[in-house]
C-alpha atoms as a PDB file:
ATOM      1  CA  MET A   1      86.831  80.780 133.341  1.00  0.00           C
ATOM      2  CA  THR A   2      86.840  77.949 130.809  1.00  0.00           C
ATOM      3  CA  VAL A   3      89.412  78.069 128.032  1.00  0.00           C
ATOM      4  CA  THR A   4      89.780  75.540 125.225  1.00  0.00           C
ATOM      5  CA  PHE A   5      93.464  75.193 124.493  1.00  0.00           C
ATOM      6  CA  PRO A   6      95.046  74.440 121.126  1.00  0.00           C
ATOM      7  CA  THR A   7      95.499  70.716 120.471  1.00  0.00           C
ATOM      8  CA  PRO A   8      97.726  68.731 118.078  1.00  0.00           C
ATOM      9  CA  ALA A   9      94.750  68.578 115.723  1.00  0.00           C
ATOM     10  CA  ARG A  10      93.907  72.267 116.128  1.00  0.00           C
ATOM     11  CA  THR A  11      96.813  74.677 116.465  1.00  0.00           C
ATOM     12  CA  LEU A  12      96.347  78.380 117.203  1.00  0.00           C
ATOM     13  CA  LYS A  13      97.279  80.225 114.034  1.00  0.00           C
ATOM     14  CA  ILE A  14      99.121  83.514 114.510  1.00  0.00           C
ATOM     15  CA  GLY A  15      99.035  85.850 111.505  1.00  0.00           C
ATOM     16  CA  THR A  16     101.910  88.223 110.894  1.00  0.00           C
ATOM     17  CA  ARG A  17     103.923  90.033 108.273  1.00  0.00           C
ATOM     18  CA  GLY A  18     107.181  88.387 107.256  1.00  0.00           C
ATOM     19  CA  SER A  19     109.743  91.021 108.235  1.00  0.00           C
ATOM     20  CA  PRO A  20     112.288  90.083 110.928  1.00  0.00           C
ATOM     21  CA  LEU A  21     110.650  92.527 113.345  1.00  0.00           C
ATOM     22  CA  ALA A  22     107.119  91.283 112.638  1.00  0.00           C
ATOM     23  CA  LEU A  23     108.260  87.698 113.187  1.00  0.00           C
ATOM     24  CA  ALA A  24     109.984  88.671 116.441  1.00  0.00           C
ATOM     25  CA  GLN A  25     106.688  90.197 117.630  1.00  0.00           C
ATOM     26  CA  ALA A  26     104.729  87.078 116.631  1.00  0.00           C
ATOM     27  CA  HIS A  27     107.251  84.881 118.415  1.00  0.00           C
ATOM     28  CA  GLU A  28     107.001  87.049 121.532  1.00  0.00           C
ATOM     29  CA  THR A  29     103.224  86.621 121.460  1.00  0.00           C
ATOM     30  CA  ARG A  30     103.608  82.851 121.087  1.00  0.00           C
ATOM     31  CA  ALA A  31     106.135  82.700 123.934  1.00  0.00           C
ATOM     32  CA  ARG A  32     103.824  84.621 126.248  1.00  0.00           C
ATOM     33  CA  LEU A  33     100.892  82.307 125.450  1.00  0.00           C
ATOM     34  CA  MET A  34     103.103  79.263 125.980  1.00  0.00           C
ATOM     35  CA  ALA A  35     104.206  80.581 129.378  1.00  0.00           C
ATOM     36  CA  ALA A  36     100.724  81.664 130.464  1.00  0.00           C
ATOM     37  CA  PHE A  37      99.090  78.311 129.705  1.00  0.00           C
ATOM     38  CA  ASP A  38     102.052  75.876 129.816  1.00  0.00           C
ATOM     39  CA  LEU A  39     101.686  75.020 126.142  1.00  0.00           C
ATOM     40  CA  PRO A  40     104.308  73.535 123.778  1.00  0.00           C
ATOM     41  CA  VAL A  41     105.519  75.393 120.711  1.00  0.00           C
ATOM     42  CA  GLU A  42     103.749  72.778 118.579  1.00  0.00           C
ATOM     43  CA  ALA A  43     100.411  74.173 119.761  1.00  0.00           C
ATOM     44  CA  PHE A  44     100.941  77.220 117.542  1.00  0.00           C
ATOM     45  CA  GLU A  45     101.495  77.971 113.883  1.00  0.00           C
ATOM     46  CA  VAL A  46     102.964  81.281 112.753  1.00  0.00           C
ATOM     47  CA  VAL A  47     101.380  82.187 109.407  1.00  0.00           C
ATOM     48  CA  VAL A  48     103.294  84.726 107.306  1.00  0.00           C
ATOM     49  CA  ILE A  49     101.072  86.970 105.202  1.00  0.00           C
ATOM     50  CA  SER A  50     102.338  89.349 102.529  1.00  0.00           C
ATOM     51  CA  THR A  51     100.822  92.836 102.633  1.00  0.00           C
ATOM     52  CA  GLN A  52     100.756  95.552 100.005  1.00  0.00           C
ATOM     53  CA  GLY A  53     103.124  97.653 102.089  1.00  0.00           C
ATOM     54  CA  ASP A  54     105.644  94.808 102.039  1.00  0.00           C
ATOM     55  CA  ARG A  55     105.319  94.120  98.319  1.00  0.00           C
ATOM     56  CA  VAL A  56     105.613  97.705  97.070  1.00  0.00           C
ATOM     57  CA  GLN A  57     108.969  99.061  98.217  1.00  0.00           C
ATOM     58  CA  ASP A  58     109.778 101.508  95.420  1.00  0.00           C
ATOM     59  CA  ARG A  59     107.140 104.133  96.258  1.00  0.00           C
ATOM     60  CA  ALA A  60     106.303 106.305  99.234  1.00  0.00           C
ATOM     61  CA  LEU A  61     103.531 105.018 101.491  1.00  0.00           C
ATOM     62  CA  LYS A  62     101.346 108.035 100.757  1.00  0.00           C
ATOM     63  CA  GLU A  63     101.392 107.103  97.066  1.00  0.00           C
ATOM     64  CA  ILE A  64      99.977 103.617  97.632  1.00  0.00           C
ATOM     65  CA  GLY A  65      97.361 104.217 100.298  1.00  0.00           C
ATOM     66  CA  GLY A  66      98.649 105.198 103.721  1.00  0.00           C
ATOM     67  CA  LYS A  67      97.547 103.314 106.848  1.00  0.00           C
ATOM     68  CA  GLY A  68      96.144  99.841 106.289  1.00  0.00           C
ATOM     69  CA  LEU A  69      98.918  98.924 103.874  1.00  0.00           C
ATOM     70  CA  PHE A  70     100.489  96.647 106.469  1.00  0.00           C
ATOM     71  CA  THR A  71      97.276  95.204 107.893  1.00  0.00           C
ATOM     72  CA  ARG A  72      94.569  94.730 105.256  1.00  0.00           C
ATOM     73  CA  GLU A  73      95.525  91.293 103.927  1.00  0.00           C
ATOM     74  CA  ILE A  74      96.143  89.990 107.449  1.00  0.00           C
ATOM     75  CA  GLU A  75      92.730  91.194 108.589  1.00  0.00           C
ATOM     76  CA  ASP A  76      91.089  89.600 105.539  1.00  0.00           C
ATOM     77  CA  GLN A  77      92.517  86.223 106.557  1.00  0.00           C
ATOM     78  CA  LEU A  78      91.460  86.788 110.160  1.00  0.00           C
ATOM     79  CA  LEU A  79      87.885  87.498 109.081  1.00  0.00           C
ATOM     80  CA  ALA A  80      87.939  84.439 106.811  1.00  0.00           C
ATOM     81  CA  GLY A  81      89.002  82.206 109.711  1.00  0.00           C
ATOM     82  CA  ASP A  82      92.340  81.290 108.125  1.00  0.00           C
ATOM     83  CA  ILE A  83      94.155  82.601 111.215  1.00  0.00           C
ATOM     84  CA  ASP A  84      93.011  82.978 114.824  1.00  0.00           C
ATOM     85  CA  ILE A  85      94.869  86.111 115.879  1.00  0.00           C
ATOM     86  CA  ALA A  86      96.853  88.848 114.124  1.00  0.00           C
ATOM     87  CA  VAL A  87      99.922  90.474 115.657  1.00  0.00           C
ATOM     88  CA  HIS A  88     100.499  94.110 114.689  1.00  0.00           C
ATOM     89  CA  SER A  89     102.847  97.014 115.349  1.00  0.00           C
ATOM     90  CA  MET A  90     100.302  99.449 116.743  1.00  0.00           C
ATOM     91  CA  LYS A  91     101.818 102.496 115.040  1.00  0.00           C
ATOM     92  CA  ASP A  92     100.784 100.861 111.715  1.00  0.00           C
ATOM     93  CA  MET A  93      97.186 100.293 112.769  1.00  0.00           C
ATOM     94  CA  PRO A  94      94.279 102.405 111.501  1.00  0.00           C
ATOM     95  CA  VAL A  95      92.127 103.696 114.344  1.00  0.00           C
ATOM     96  CA  ASP A  96      89.078 101.815 113.031  1.00  0.00           C
ATOM     97  CA  GLN A  97      88.925  98.020 112.740  1.00  0.00           C
ATOM     98  CA  PRO A  98      86.932  96.210 110.057  1.00  0.00           C
ATOM     99  CA  GLU A  99      83.500  95.080 111.191  1.00  0.00           C
ATOM    100  CA  GLY A 100      83.811  91.809 113.064  1.00  0.00           C
ATOM    101  CA  LEU A 101      87.326  92.403 114.406  1.00  0.00           C
ATOM    102  CA  ILE A 102      88.552  93.912 117.668  1.00  0.00           C
ATOM    103  CA  LEU A 103      91.837  95.009 119.220  1.00  0.00           C
ATOM    104  CA  ASP A 104      91.668  94.599 122.987  1.00  0.00           C
ATOM    105  CA  CYS A 105      94.985  92.963 123.868  1.00  0.00           C
ATOM    106  CA  TYR A 106      98.310  94.801 124.078  1.00  0.00           C
ATOM    107  CA  LEU A 107     101.670  93.441 125.164  1.00  0.00           C
ATOM    108  CA  PRO A 108     103.838  95.528 127.521  1.00  0.00           C
ATOM    109  CA  ARG A 109     105.078  98.540 125.601  1.00  0.00           C
ATOM    110  CA  GLU A 110     108.738  98.795 124.621  1.00  0.00           C
ATOM    111  CA  ASN A 111     110.710 102.041 124.453  1.00  0.00           C
ATOM    112  CA  PRO A 112     108.502 104.372 122.324  1.00  0.00           C
ATOM    113  CA  CYS A 113     111.318 106.726 121.283  1.00  0.00           C
ATOM    114  CA  ASP A 114     112.922 107.176 117.884  1.00  0.00           C
ATOM    115  CA  ALA A 115     116.530 106.211 117.225  1.00  0.00           C
ATOM    116  CA  PHE A 116     118.889 108.316 115.118  1.00  0.00           C
ATOM    117  CA  VAL A 117     121.088 105.970 113.070  1.00  0.00           C
ATOM    118  CA  GLN A 118     124.379 106.961 111.477  1.00  0.00           C
ATOM    119  CA  LEU A 119     127.048 104.430 110.509  1.00  0.00           C
ATOM    120  CA  GLY A 120     129.819 106.306 112.258  1.00  0.00           C
ATOM    121  CA  GLY A 121     127.698 107.013 115.308  1.00  0.00           C
ATOM    122  CA  GLY A 122     126.794 110.525 116.380  1.00  0.00           C
ATOM    123  CA  ALA A 123     123.690 112.468 117.269  1.00  0.00           C
ATOM    124  CA  LEU A 124     121.082 114.332 115.287  1.00  0.00           C
ATOM    125  CA  LYS A 125     122.330 117.695 116.553  1.00  0.00           C
ATOM    126  CA  ASP A 126     125.772 116.974 115.065  1.00  0.00           C
ATOM    127  CA  LEU A 127     124.609 116.569 111.453  1.00  0.00           C
ATOM    128  CA  PRO A 128     126.476 118.997 109.176  1.00  0.00           C
ATOM    129  CA  GLN A 129     124.685 121.731 107.235  1.00  0.00           C
ATOM    130  CA  GLY A 130     122.858 120.357 104.189  1.00  0.00           C
ATOM    131  CA  ALA A 131     123.271 116.686 105.125  1.00  0.00           C
ATOM    132  CA  THR A 132     120.974 114.072 103.545  1.00  0.00           C
ATOM    133  CA  VAL A 133     118.695 112.068 105.839  1.00  0.00           C
ATOM    134  CA  GLY A 134     116.512 109.166 104.723  1.00  0.00           C
ATOM    135  CA  THR A 135     113.044 108.435 106.081  1.00  0.00           C
ATOM    136  CA  SER A 136     109.683 107.216 104.786  1.00  0.00           C
ATOM    137  CA  SER A 137     107.810 108.782 107.716  1.00  0.00           C
ATOM    138  CA  LEU A 138     106.045 112.079 107.020  1.00  0.00           C
ATOM    139  CA  ARG A 139     106.058 112.754 110.778  1.00  0.00           C
ATOM    140  CA  ARG A 140     109.821 112.347 111.057  1.00  0.00           C
ATOM    141  CA  LYS A 141     110.384 114.339 107.882  1.00  0.00           C
ATOM    142  CA  ALA A 142     108.224 117.238 109.068  1.00  0.00           C
ATOM    143  CA  GLN A 143     109.755 117.222 112.556  1.00  0.00           C
ATOM    144  CA  LEU A 144     113.251 117.136 111.110  1.00  0.00           C
ATOM    145  CA  LEU A 145     112.662 119.970 108.644  1.00  0.00           C
ATOM    146  CA  HIS A 146     110.959 122.046 111.315  1.00  0.00           C
ATOM    147  CA  ARG A 147     114.123 121.861 113.403  1.00  0.00           C
ATOM    148  CA  ARG A 148     116.661 121.755 110.584  1.00  0.00           C
ATOM    149  CA  PRO A 149     115.261 123.223 107.330  1.00  0.00           C
ATOM    150  CA  ASP A 150     118.775 123.078 105.865  1.00  0.00           C
ATOM    151  CA  LEU A 151     118.701 119.275 105.688  1.00  0.00           C
ATOM    152  CA  ASN A 152     117.866 117.259 102.573  1.00  0.00           C
ATOM    153  CA  VAL A 153     115.303 114.498 103.275  1.00  0.00           C
ATOM    154  CA  VAL A 154     114.956 111.564 100.858  1.00  0.00           C
ATOM    155  CA  GLU A 155     112.569 108.594 100.720  1.00  0.00           C
ATOM    156  CA  PHE A 156     113.944 105.637 102.672  1.00  0.00           C
ATOM    157  CA  ARG A 157     111.992 102.386 103.132  1.00  0.00           C
ATOM    158  CA  GLY A 158     112.816  98.821 104.104  1.00  0.00           C
ATOM    159  CA  ASN A 159     113.770  96.756 107.141  1.00  0.00           C
ATOM    160  CA  VAL A 160     116.771  97.441 109.362  1.00  0.00           C
ATOM    161  CA  GLN A 161     119.311  95.675 107.134  1.00  0.00           C
ATOM    162  CA  THR A 162     117.958  97.302 103.974  1.00  0.00           C
ATOM    163  CA  ARG A 163     118.258 100.744 105.520  1.00  0.00           C
ATOM    164  CA  LEU A 164     121.775 100.085 106.772  1.00  0.00           C
ATOM    165  CA  LYS A 165     122.790  98.981 103.280  1.00  0.00           C
ATOM    166  CA  LYS A 166     121.373 102.210 101.866  1.00  0.00           C
ATOM    167  CA  LEU A 167     123.493 104.151 104.327  1.00  0.00           C
ATOM    168  CA  LYS A 168     126.576 102.169 103.255  1.00  0.00           C
ATOM    169  CA  ASP A 169     125.710 102.858  99.611  1.00  0.00           C
ATOM    170  CA  GLY A 170     125.619 106.578 100.309  1.00  0.00           C
ATOM    171  CA  VAL A 171     121.906 107.108  99.630  1.00  0.00           C
ATOM    172  CA  ALA A 172     121.813 109.119 102.855  1.00  0.00           C
ATOM    173  CA  GLU A 173     124.112 109.973 105.740  1.00  0.00           C
ATOM    174  CA  ALA A 174     121.643 109.048 108.452  1.00  0.00           C
ATOM    175  CA  THR A 175     118.162 107.647 109.052  1.00  0.00           C
ATOM    176  CA  PHE A 176     115.670 106.920 111.820  1.00  0.00           C
ATOM    177  CA  LEU A 177     114.435 103.663 113.292  1.00  0.00           C
ATOM    178  CA  ALA A 178     112.311 102.875 116.339  1.00  0.00           C
ATOM    179  CA  MET A 179     114.141 102.022 119.544  1.00  0.00           C
ATOM    180  CA  ALA A 180     111.494  99.368 120.189  1.00  0.00           C
ATOM    181  CA  GLY A 181     112.259  97.541 116.957  1.00  0.00           C
ATOM    182  CA  LEU A 182     116.002  97.587 117.567  1.00  0.00           C
ATOM    183  CA  ASN A 183     115.480  96.269 121.091  1.00  0.00           C
ATOM    184  CA  ARG A 184     113.137  93.498 119.979  1.00  0.00           C
ATOM    185  CA  LEU A 185     115.633  92.432 117.303  1.00  0.00           C
ATOM    186  CA  ASN A 186     118.506  92.540 119.802  1.00  0.00           C
ATOM    187  CA  ALA A 187     120.261  94.745 117.256  1.00  0.00           C
ATOM    188  CA  ALA A 188     122.984  95.980 119.577  1.00  0.00           C
ATOM    189  CA  ASP A 189     125.356  96.290 116.617  1.00  0.00           C
ATOM    190  CA  VAL A 190     123.305  99.038 114.963  1.00  0.00           C
ATOM    191  CA  PRO A 191     124.874 102.418 115.795  1.00  0.00           C
ATOM    192  CA  ARG A 192     122.175 104.634 117.245  1.00  0.00           C
ATOM    193  CA  SER A 193     121.451 107.452 119.628  1.00  0.00           C
ATOM    194  CA  GLU A 194     118.074 107.635 121.346  1.00  0.00           C
ATOM    195  CA  ILE A 195     116.011 110.721 120.570  1.00  0.00           C
ATOM    196  CA  THR A 196     114.102 111.849 123.632  1.00  0.00           C
ATOM    197  CA  PRO A 197     110.421 112.843 123.380  1.00  0.00           C
ATOM    198  CA  GLU A 198     111.526 116.381 124.212  1.00  0.00           C
ATOM    199  CA  GLU A 199     113.634 116.403 121.032  1.00  0.00           C
ATOM    200  CA  MET A 200     111.129 114.605 118.765  1.00  0.00           C
ATOM    201  CA  LEU A 201     107.775 113.325 119.971  1.00  0.00           C
ATOM    202  CA  PRO A 202     107.272 109.758 118.652  1.00  0.00           C
ATOM    203  CA  ALA A 203     104.478 108.343 116.546  1.00  0.00           C
ATOM    204  CA  VAL A 204     101.213 107.505 118.262  1.00  0.00           C
ATOM    205  CA  ALA A 205     101.395 103.954 119.735  1.00  0.00           C
ATOM    206  CA  GLN A 206     105.040 103.492 118.740  1.00  0.00           C
ATOM    207  CA  GLY A 207     106.635 100.602 120.632  1.00  0.00           C
ATOM    208  CA  ALA A 208     103.350  98.784 121.308  1.00  0.00           C
ATOM    209  CA  ILE A 209     102.228  95.386 119.982  1.00  0.00           C
ATOM    210  CA  GLY A 210      98.516  94.791 119.505  1.00  0.00           C
ATOM    211  CA  ILE A 211      96.808  91.427 119.045  1.00  0.00           C
ATOM    212  CA  GLU A 212      93.650  91.479 116.949  1.00  0.00           C
ATOM    213  CA  ARG A 213      90.934  88.802 117.033  1.00  0.00           C
ATOM    214  CA  ARG A 214      87.460  88.108 115.751  1.00  0.00           C
ATOM    215  CA  LEU A 215      84.805  89.791 117.859  1.00  0.00           C
ATOM    216  CA  ASP A 216      82.746  86.599 118.198  1.00  0.00           C
ATOM    217  CA  ASP A 217      85.686  84.355 119.180  1.00  0.00           C
ATOM    218  CA  ALA A 218      85.107  84.086 122.927  1.00  0.00           C
ATOM    219  CA  ASN A 219      87.699  81.373 123.463  1.00  0.00           C
ATOM    220  CA  THR A 220      90.493  83.409 121.911  1.00  0.00           C
ATOM    221  CA  GLN A 221      89.339  86.402 123.937  1.00  0.00           C
ATOM    222  CA  ARG A 222      89.830  84.380 127.135  1.00  0.00           C
ATOM    223  CA  LEU A 223      93.303  83.309 125.986  1.00  0.00           C
ATOM    224  CA  LEU A 224      94.359  86.865 125.220  1.00  0.00           C
ATOM    225  CA  THR A 225      93.027  88.259 128.490  1.00  0.00           C
ATOM    226  CA  ALA A 226      95.997  86.621 130.203  1.00  0.00           C
ATOM    227  CA  LEU A 227      98.402  88.572 127.975  1.00  0.00           C
ATOM    228  CA  HIS A 228      96.847  92.027 128.093  1.00  0.00           C
ATOM    229  CA  ASP A 229      98.980  94.744 129.697  1.00  0.00           C
ATOM    230  CA  VAL A 230      96.603  97.223 131.328  1.00  0.00           C
ATOM    231  CA  PRO A 231      98.976 100.249 131.506  1.00  0.00           C
ATOM    232  CA  THR A 232      99.788  99.920 127.796  1.00  0.00           C
ATOM    233  CA  GLY A 233      96.079  99.776 127.023  1.00  0.00           C
ATOM    234  CA  GLN A 234      95.443 102.888 129.095  1.00  0.00           C
ATOM    235  CA  ARG A 235      98.166 104.834 127.316  1.00  0.00           C
ATOM    236  CA  LEU A 236      97.027 103.723 123.868  1.00  0.00           C
ATOM    237  CA  ALA A 237      93.397 104.579 124.611  1.00  0.00           C
ATOM    238  CA  ALA A 238      94.438 108.227 124.988  1.00  0.00           C
ATOM    239  CA  GLU A 239      96.896 108.277 122.083  1.00  0.00           C
ATOM    240  CA  ARG A 240      94.603 106.549 119.587  1.00  0.00           C
ATOM    241  CA  ALA A 241      91.629 108.739 120.564  1.00  0.00           C
ATOM    242  CA  PHE A 242      93.882 111.728 119.877  1.00  0.00           C
ATOM    243  CA  LEU A 243      94.817 110.272 116.477  1.00  0.00           C
ATOM    244  CA  ALA A 244      91.227 109.409 115.600  1.00  0.00           C
ATOM    245  CA  ALA A 245      90.001 112.912 116.412  1.00  0.00           C
ATOM    246  CA  LEU A 246      92.667 114.303 114.084  1.00  0.00           C
ATOM    247  CA  ASP A 247      91.668 111.819 111.351  1.00  0.00           C
ATOM    248  CA  GLY A 248      95.302 110.728 111.329  1.00  0.00           C
ATOM    249  CA  SER A 249      96.771 108.689 108.504  1.00  0.00           C
ATOM    250  CA  CYS A 250     100.166 108.121 106.955  1.00  0.00           C
ATOM    251  CA  GLU A 251      99.525 111.355 105.057  1.00  0.00           C
ATOM    252  CA  THR A 252      99.415 113.587 108.130  1.00  0.00           C
ATOM    253  CA  PRO A 253     102.378 114.380 110.400  1.00  0.00           C
ATOM    254  CA  ILE A 254     101.065 113.643 113.901  1.00  0.00           C
ATOM    255  CA  ALA A 255     102.954 112.700 117.054  1.00  0.00           C
ATOM    256  CA  GLY A 256     101.693 111.770 120.499  1.00  0.00           C
ATOM    257  CA  LEU A 257     102.793 110.094 123.697  1.00  0.00           C
ATOM    258  CA  ALA A 258     100.935 109.269 126.895  1.00  0.00           C
ATOM    259  CA  THR A 259     102.694 108.547 130.197  1.00  0.00           C
ATOM    260  CA  LEU A 260     101.338 107.373 133.546  1.00  0.00           C
ATOM    261  CA  ASN A 261     102.171 108.704 136.988  1.00  0.00           C
ATOM    262  CA  GLY A 262     100.152 107.032 139.698  1.00  0.00           C
ATOM    263  CA  ASP A 263      96.480 107.616 138.889  1.00  0.00           C
ATOM    264  CA  THR A 264      97.264 110.431 136.452  1.00  0.00           C
ATOM    265  CA  LEU A 265      97.719 110.207 132.698  1.00  0.00           C
ATOM    266  CA  HIS A 266      99.721 112.879 130.882  1.00  0.00           C
ATOM    267  CA  LEU A 267      99.315 113.194 127.105  1.00  0.00           C
ATOM    268  CA  ARG A 268     101.480 115.278 124.803  1.00  0.00           C
ATOM    269  CA  GLY A 269     100.551 115.847 121.181  1.00  0.00           C
ATOM    270  CA  GLU A 270     101.982 117.569 118.128  1.00  0.00           C
ATOM    271  CA  ILE A 271     100.793 118.278 114.599  1.00  0.00           C
ATOM    272  CA  LEU A 272     102.957 119.690 111.828  1.00  0.00           C
ATOM    273  CA  ARG A 273     102.572 121.119 108.379  1.00  0.00           C
ATOM    274  CA  ILE A 274     103.712 118.660 105.725  1.00  0.00           C
ATOM    275  CA  ASP A 275     106.792 120.743 104.889  1.00  0.00           C
ATOM    276  CA  GLY A 276     107.739 121.267 108.530  1.00  0.00           C
ATOM    277  CA  SER A 277     107.219 125.022 108.306  1.00  0.00           C
ATOM    278  CA  GLU A 278     104.942 125.048 111.367  1.00  0.00           C
ATOM    279  CA  ALA A 279     104.448 122.805 114.375  1.00  0.00           C
ATOM    280  CA  LEU A 280     101.744 123.042 117.023  1.00  0.00           C
ATOM    281  CA  SER A 281     101.960 121.183 120.316  1.00  0.00           C
ATOM    282  CA  ASP A 282     100.050 120.973 123.573  1.00  0.00           C
ATOM    283  CA  ASP A 283      99.540 118.631 126.520  1.00  0.00           C
ATOM    284  CA  ILE A 284      96.845 117.573 128.933  1.00  0.00           C
ATOM    285  CA  SER A 285      96.667 115.644 132.221  1.00  0.00           C
ATOM    286  CA  GLY A 286      93.888 113.974 134.136  1.00  0.00           C
ATOM    287  CA  PRO A 287      92.537 110.723 135.599  1.00  0.00           C
ATOM    288  CA  ILE A 288      93.623 107.592 133.746  1.00  0.00           C
ATOM    289  CA  ASP A 289      90.043 106.493 133.065  1.00  0.00           C
ATOM    290  CA  GLN A 290      89.468 109.753 131.173  1.00  0.00           C
ATOM    291  CA  GLY A 291      92.321 109.082 128.733  1.00  0.00           C
ATOM    292  CA  ALA A 292      90.198 108.761 125.598  1.00  0.00           C
ATOM    293  CA  ALA A 293      88.256 111.930 126.399  1.00  0.00           C
ATOM    294  CA  MET A 294      91.519 113.789 127.011  1.00  0.00           C
ATOM    295  CA  GLY A 295      92.857 112.572 123.668  1.00  0.00           C
ATOM    296  CA  ILE A 296      89.839 114.038 121.907  1.00  0.00           C
ATOM    297  CA  GLU A 297      90.077 117.313 123.828  1.00  0.00           C
ATOM    298  CA  LEU A 298      93.766 117.697 123.007  1.00  0.00           C
ATOM    299  CA  ALA A 299      93.104 117.076 119.327  1.00  0.00           C
ATOM    300  CA  GLU A 300      90.315 119.659 119.290  1.00  0.00           C
ATOM    301  CA  ARG A 301      92.603 122.243 120.878  1.00  0.00           C
ATOM    302  CA  LEU A 302      95.262 121.743 118.229  1.00  0.00           C
ATOM    303  CA  LEU A 303      92.771 121.715 115.365  1.00  0.00           C
ATOM    304  CA  ALA A 304      91.290 125.002 116.599  1.00  0.00           C
ATOM    305  CA  ARG A 305      94.744 126.575 116.512  1.00  0.00           C
ATOM    306  CA  ALA A 306      95.642 125.054 113.147  1.00  0.00           C
ATOM    307  CA  GLY A 307      92.676 126.249 111.134  1.00  0.00           C
ATOM    308  CA  ASP A 308      91.650 124.954 107.710  1.00  0.00           C
ATOM    309  CA  GLY A 309      94.253 123.571 105.356  1.00  0.00           C
ATOM    310  CA  PHE A 310      96.932 122.926 107.954  1.00  0.00           C
ATOM    311  CA  PHE A 311      97.658 119.431 106.604  1.00  0.00           C
ATOM    312  CA  ASP A 312      97.254 120.320 102.940  1.00  0.00           C
ATOM    313  CA  TRP A 313     100.050 119.521 100.518  1.00  0.00           C
ATOM    314  CA  LYS A 314     101.702 122.610  99.045  1.00  0.00           C
END
């Protein structure tokens, strides 16, 4: 296999958002490429790209467009040739890529679970009656209200430090973050308790990093092949097929998680009404190479039970 490596005159440009977590993910990608091909840091350039989701912080995601808010501008620059690869949090990625782009490289998945964050520590089950919780995720909001309809849920966006400041300012008593993000930021100082999938099923593809490239860029494809984590790809094939069959977006509360046990893949899925008044869940197991087909089957089962209007706003 012949690979043309970056040179001093031609660095590999890595596109990313500018948040601390996004930069940590881009730097992890760079470090893995450096290690795989014995390349110096100077062979790469991390290009920070502002997305609509980053610029508009005073409105809920559903009000400004849902999925694609954190990827569109990055993908535009990838298509234009201004960057060579784009590093994404997979839970932010639409299930369809723009024509000419492909996602076929995933780094090893981090912990996919949610984290419950409260300044004084504590667990979700210990929240007092009527407490205020902040989240921008419709999935988390619906799951929370389904379990605790007494709670008050308010809009809560921003990076880790922004959310912690909001907690200190009394905007809410608690919030949620992803365990993967906290781990990648080495944020050991953030008080959190891990929420198991049995308590709250996480977002589809949570904890996974995907690297997007141009479909016709064979050299970059060969570079990324060395980074691809097969088990993560197998799990995401099932989860994202499940999401696609449900027509999932940031406006629909959907959760899903695939796990591997030997040659068997187990997929759990959940859909909820927007207000949390009803939740439907199911699971399916089978051969790993049938993951995508199982994702579709699981989605069809849940949709058949849900009936028309399940995701409608009331």
